[in-house]
Protein backbone atom coordinates (compact mmCIF):
# COMPACT_ATOMS: atom_id res chain seq x y z
CA UNK A 1 -38.38 -53.63 -57.53
CA UNK A 2 -34.86 -53.53 -55.56
CA UNK A 3 -34.91 -54.01 -52.03
CA UNK A 4 -32.80 -50.72 -51.61
CA UNK A 5 -35.27 -48.77 -53.64
CA UNK A 6 -38.16 -50.00 -51.32
CA UNK A 7 -36.35 -49.13 -48.39
CA UNK A 8 -35.65 -45.61 -49.68
CA UNK A 9 -39.35 -45.02 -50.50
CA UNK A 10 -40.07 -46.41 -46.95
CA UNK A 11 -37.60 -43.81 -45.28
CA UNK A 12 -38.93 -41.02 -47.45
CA UNK A 13 -42.49 -41.73 -45.95
CA UNK A 14 -41.11 -41.30 -42.40
CA UNK A 15 -40.92 -45.25 -41.79
CA UNK A 16 -37.95 -46.79 -40.12
CA UNK A 17 -36.43 -50.28 -39.36
CA UNK A 18 -37.58 -51.51 -36.25
CA UNK A 19 -35.40 -54.78 -36.29
CA UNK A 20 -33.68 -57.25 -38.41
CA UNK A 21 -34.80 -60.92 -38.49
CA UNK A 22 -33.30 -64.05 -40.07
CA UNK A 23 -35.38 -63.88 -43.25
CA UNK A 24 -37.41 -60.63 -43.11
CA UNK A 25 -36.74 -57.09 -41.61
CA UNK A 26 -39.57 -55.42 -39.67
CA UNK A 27 -40.37 -51.71 -40.70
CA UNK A 28 -42.68 -49.52 -38.69
CA UNK A 29 -44.63 -46.29 -39.62
CA UNK A 30 -44.53 -44.22 -36.36
CA UNK A 31 -47.57 -42.40 -37.31
CA UNK A 32 -49.94 -45.28 -37.57
CA UNK A 33 -48.06 -47.84 -35.57
CA UNK A 34 -48.42 -50.49 -38.34
CA UNK A 35 -45.51 -52.91 -38.68
CA UNK A 36 -44.84 -54.62 -42.01
CA UNK A 37 -42.20 -57.46 -42.72
CA UNK A 38 -40.07 -56.89 -45.78
CA UNK A 39 -38.18 -59.95 -47.18
CA UNK A 40 -34.45 -59.87 -47.29
CA UNK A 41 -34.07 -60.63 -50.95
CA UNK A 42 -32.30 -58.42 -53.41
CA UNK A 43 -35.27 -58.13 -55.78
CA UNK A 44 -38.88 -57.85 -54.38
CA UNK A 45 -41.80 -58.72 -56.62
CA UNK A 46 -43.76 -55.78 -57.73
CA UNK A 47 -47.22 -56.73 -56.33
CA UNK A 48 -45.50 -57.42 -52.83
CA UNK A 49 -43.64 -54.13 -52.92
CA UNK A 50 -46.79 -52.08 -53.65
CA UNK A 51 -48.84 -54.17 -50.82
CA UNK A 52 -45.88 -53.16 -48.35
CA UNK A 53 -46.10 -49.61 -49.37
CA UNK A 54 -49.71 -49.40 -49.29
CA UNK A 55 -50.04 -50.95 -45.75
CA UNK A 56 -47.37 -48.66 -44.32
CA UNK A 57 -49.01 -45.61 -45.94
CA UNK A 58 -45.81 -44.91 -48.03
CA UNK A 59 -47.30 -44.54 -51.47
């Protein structure tokens, strides 16, 4: 999955970017308070993308 597509899905679920790191971006779901690291690669493998979406309740 493209990183931009993953970020779009996260934003649509109400998540927002907390901060940028050197190799990861931290996204937070304000409803649950869960913070998840998203790698800063152009392409993110499908199992990892699904895990991030599930953990942030963005599926």
